[in-house]
Each structure stands twice: as structure tokens, then as C-alpha cells.
Amino acid sequence: MDVTKIGVPPIGAPTPAAPGAPAAPASGAGSFGTVLKDSLAQVNQLQQQADGAIKELATGGTATLHDTMLAIEKAELSFRLMMQVRNKIIDAYQEVLRMQV
């Protein structure tokens, strides 16, 4: 299933640079730290949107149950994906520590 069809941006997708921000390397890809930081910001944004949708639904605002559940599921899916990325990073780090020089 393609997650872009349900409106979840792919993690690590290029985002336009802010004015005055340092330019990306010539290869067109940002550093690993930058990509990870941007991905965490996207996950946080989806979590905040889900929280806002829950509050809007609970207070009787214009949010529907369907929209609220979609926001919650998007946030949960992105959080799970970020946790898997974190686990893989930790596994790779532990593997490097086990290497004999």
C-alpha cells in the first residue's frame, strides 16, 4: 500500500529549504542527521494534528469522527515507522561496537 495515497508524507522526503538555511550537499541529499531531524519533526507534527483533532471532536467542533480517526492512525503509523528506524539505528550501532579492529 502506498502511504502517499492516504496523505502521509514519506519520511525523509525533500522539503524546500528555508531562506538563509545552509545549502544541501552537492549530491542533493541532506546529511543523515538533517534527514532524521526533519523526520522527527514530521512525526511530531502528525502527533500534534491528531491531538488537535481529538480536542476538536471532544469539544463538539467541526471535526468528524472519521477525520479524527484518520489523523490518529496517520500519527500512529508514522510513530511506529520512526520507532522501527530507531531500532535499526541501535542495531547498527551495536553491530559496529561488536566489530573487532
C-alpha atoms as a PDB file:
ATOM      1  CA  MET A   1       0.000   0.000   0.000  1.00  0.00           C
ATOM      2  CA  ASP A   2       1.334   3.402  -0.949  1.00  0.00           C
ATOM      3  CA  VAL A   3       1.179   5.648   2.124  1.00  0.00           C
ATOM      4  CA  THR A   4       1.252   8.800  -0.004  1.00  0.00           C
ATOM      5  CA  LYS A   5      -2.271   7.925  -1.199  1.00  0.00           C
ATOM      6  CA  ILE A   6      -3.628   8.429   2.321  1.00  0.00           C
ATOM      7  CA  GLY A   7      -1.794  11.696   2.799  1.00  0.00           C
ATOM      8  CA  VAL A   8       1.183  10.537   4.881  1.00  0.00           C
ATOM      9  CA  PRO A   9       4.328  12.174   3.528  1.00  0.00           C
ATOM     10  CA  PRO A  10       7.244   9.785   3.131  1.00  0.00           C
ATOM     11  CA  ILE A  11       9.825  10.145   5.869  1.00  0.00           C
ATOM     12  CA  GLY A  12      12.929  11.807   4.591  1.00  0.00           C
ATOM     13  CA  ALA A  13      11.129  13.423   1.675  1.00  0.00           C
ATOM     14  CA  PRO A  14      12.896  16.530   0.466  1.00  0.00           C
ATOM     15  CA  THR A  15      11.446  19.707   1.824  1.00  0.00           C
ATOM     16  CA  PRO A  16      12.088  23.172   0.474  1.00  0.00           C
ATOM     17  CA  ALA A  17      14.906  24.926   2.267  1.00  0.00           C
ATOM     18  CA  ALA A  18      14.091  27.938   4.380  1.00  0.00           C
ATOM     19  CA  PRO A  19      15.597  31.256   3.291  1.00  0.00           C
ATOM     20  CA  GLY A  20      19.026  31.665   4.807  1.00  0.00           C
ATOM     21  CA  ALA A  21      19.355  27.939   5.558  1.00  0.00           C
ATOM     22  CA  PRO A  22      22.624  26.251   4.627  1.00  0.00           C
ATOM     23  CA  ALA A  23      22.607  24.639   1.216  1.00  0.00           C
ATOM     24  CA  ALA A  24      22.400  20.862   0.930  1.00  0.00           C
ATOM     25  CA  PRO A  25      25.484  18.955  -0.257  1.00  0.00           C
ATOM     26  CA  ALA A  26      26.084  18.758  -3.987  1.00  0.00           C
ATOM     27  CA  SER A  27      24.757  15.180  -4.163  1.00  0.00           C
ATOM     28  CA  GLY A  28      21.251  16.532  -3.484  1.00  0.00           C
ATOM     29  CA  ALA A  29      20.796  14.507  -0.288  1.00  0.00           C
ATOM     30  CA  GLY A  30      20.931  16.045   3.167  1.00  0.00           C
ATOM     31  CA  SER A  31      23.106  14.683   5.908  1.00  0.00           C
ATOM     32  CA  PHE A  32      21.771  11.760   7.909  1.00  0.00           C
ATOM     33  CA  GLY A  33      21.300  13.964  10.957  1.00  0.00           C
ATOM     34  CA  THR A  34      19.301  16.504   8.980  1.00  0.00           C
ATOM     35  CA  VAL A  35      17.054  13.841   7.456  1.00  0.00           C
ATOM     36  CA  LEU A  36      16.487  12.267  10.870  1.00  0.00           C
ATOM     37  CA  LYS A  37      15.713  15.642  12.455  1.00  0.00           C
ATOM     38  CA  ASP A  38      13.232  16.502   9.685  1.00  0.00           C
ATOM     39  CA  SER A  39      11.583  13.096  10.041  1.00  0.00           C
ATOM     40  CA  LEU A  40      11.159  13.561  13.777  1.00  0.00           C
ATOM     41  CA  ALA A  41       9.614  16.970  13.136  1.00  0.00           C
ATOM     42  CA  GLN A  42       7.133  15.405  10.704  1.00  0.00           C
ATOM     43  CA  VAL A  43       6.172  12.725  13.230  1.00  0.00           C
ATOM     44  CA  ASN A  44       5.723  15.393  15.911  1.00  0.00           C
ATOM     45  CA  GLN A  45       3.563  17.474  13.571  1.00  0.00           C
ATOM     46  CA  LEU A  46       1.303  14.484  12.854  1.00  0.00           C
ATOM     47  CA  GLN A  47       1.015  13.807  16.603  1.00  0.00           C
ATOM     48  CA  GLN A  48       0.004  17.425  17.216  1.00  0.00           C
ATOM     49  CA  GLN A  49      -2.558  17.279  14.399  1.00  0.00           C
ATOM     50  CA  ALA A  50      -4.061  14.131  15.937  1.00  0.00           C
ATOM     51  CA  ASP A  51      -4.222  15.806  19.354  1.00  0.00           C
ATOM     52  CA  GLY A  52      -5.908  18.823  17.806  1.00  0.00           C
ATOM     53  CA  ALA A  53      -8.436  16.634  16.011  1.00  0.00           C
ATOM     54  CA  ILE A  54      -9.245  14.804  19.265  1.00  0.00           C
ATOM     55  CA  LYS A  55      -9.782  18.098  21.101  1.00  0.00           C
ATOM     56  CA  GLU A  56     -11.912  19.421  18.254  1.00  0.00           C
ATOM     57  CA  LEU A  57     -14.083  16.301  18.316  1.00  0.00           C
ATOM     58  CA  ALA A  58     -14.363  16.274  22.114  1.00  0.00           C
ATOM     59  CA  THR A  59     -15.409  19.911  22.294  1.00  0.00           C
ATOM     60  CA  GLY A  60     -18.080  19.487  19.631  1.00  0.00           C
ATOM     61  CA  GLY A  61     -16.203  21.401  16.938  1.00  0.00           C
ATOM     62  CA  THR A  62     -16.342  20.812  13.223  1.00  0.00           C
ATOM     63  CA  ALA A  63     -14.198  17.648  13.282  1.00  0.00           C
ATOM     64  CA  THR A  64     -15.864  14.380  12.365  1.00  0.00           C
ATOM     65  CA  LEU A  65     -15.137  11.005  13.896  1.00  0.00           C
ATOM     66  CA  HIS A  66     -13.828   9.804  10.536  1.00  0.00           C
ATOM     67  CA  ASP A  67     -11.336  12.671  10.187  1.00  0.00           C
ATOM     68  CA  THR A  68     -10.235  12.271  13.787  1.00  0.00           C
ATOM     69  CA  MET A  69      -9.593   8.544  13.372  1.00  0.00           C
ATOM     70  CA  LEU A  70      -7.624   9.196  10.178  1.00  0.00           C
ATOM     71  CA  ALA A  71      -5.440  11.739  11.963  1.00  0.00           C
ATOM     72  CA  ILE A  72      -4.845   9.328  14.841  1.00  0.00           C
ATOM     73  CA  GLU A  73      -3.947   6.460  12.507  1.00  0.00           C
ATOM     74  CA  LYS A  74      -1.558   8.647  10.492  1.00  0.00           C
ATOM     75  CA  ALA A  75       0.178   9.700  13.683  1.00  0.00           C
ATOM     76  CA  GLU A  76       0.368   6.135  14.961  1.00  0.00           C
ATOM     77  CA  LEU A  77       1.709   4.785  11.668  1.00  0.00           C
ATOM     78  CA  SER A  78       4.390   7.448  11.437  1.00  0.00           C
ATOM     79  CA  PHE A  79       5.369   6.883  15.078  1.00  0.00           C
ATOM     80  CA  ARG A  80       5.682   3.128  14.542  1.00  0.00           C
ATOM     81  CA  LEU A  81       7.818   3.695  11.470  1.00  0.00           C
ATOM     82  CA  MET A  82      10.083   6.069  13.386  1.00  0.00           C
ATOM     83  CA  MET A  83      10.432   3.504  16.173  1.00  0.00           C
ATOM     84  CA  GLN A  84      11.495   0.879  13.629  1.00  0.00           C
ATOM     85  CA  VAL A  85      14.074   3.280  12.206  1.00  0.00           C
ATOM     86  CA  ARG A  86      15.347   3.926  15.727  1.00  0.00           C
ATOM     87  CA  ASN A  87      15.609   0.197  16.384  1.00  0.00           C
ATOM     88  CA  LYS A  88      17.585  -0.336  13.171  1.00  0.00           C
ATOM     89  CA  ILE A  89      19.956   2.507  14.068  1.00  0.00           C
ATOM     90  CA  ILE A  90      20.544   1.000  17.504  1.00  0.00           C
ATOM     91  CA  ASP A  91      21.135  -2.444  15.967  1.00  0.00           C
ATOM     92  CA  ALA A  92      23.642  -0.989  13.514  1.00  0.00           C
ATOM     93  CA  TYR A  93      25.445   0.866  16.309  1.00  0.00           C
ATOM     94  CA  GLN A  94      25.661  -2.293  18.412  1.00  0.00           C
ATOM     95  CA  GLU A  95      26.984  -4.198  15.408  1.00  0.00           C
ATOM     96  CA  VAL A  96      29.728  -1.611  14.928  1.00  0.00           C
ATOM     97  CA  LEU A  97      30.649  -1.932  18.612  1.00  0.00           C
ATOM     98  CA  ARG A  98      30.973  -5.706  18.220  1.00  0.00           C
ATOM     99  CA  MET A  99      33.406  -5.372  15.291  1.00  0.00           C
ATOM    100  CA  GLN A 100      36.983  -6.301  16.041  1.00  0.00           C
ATOM    101  CA  VAL A 101      39.618  -3.929  14.791  1.00  0.00           C
END
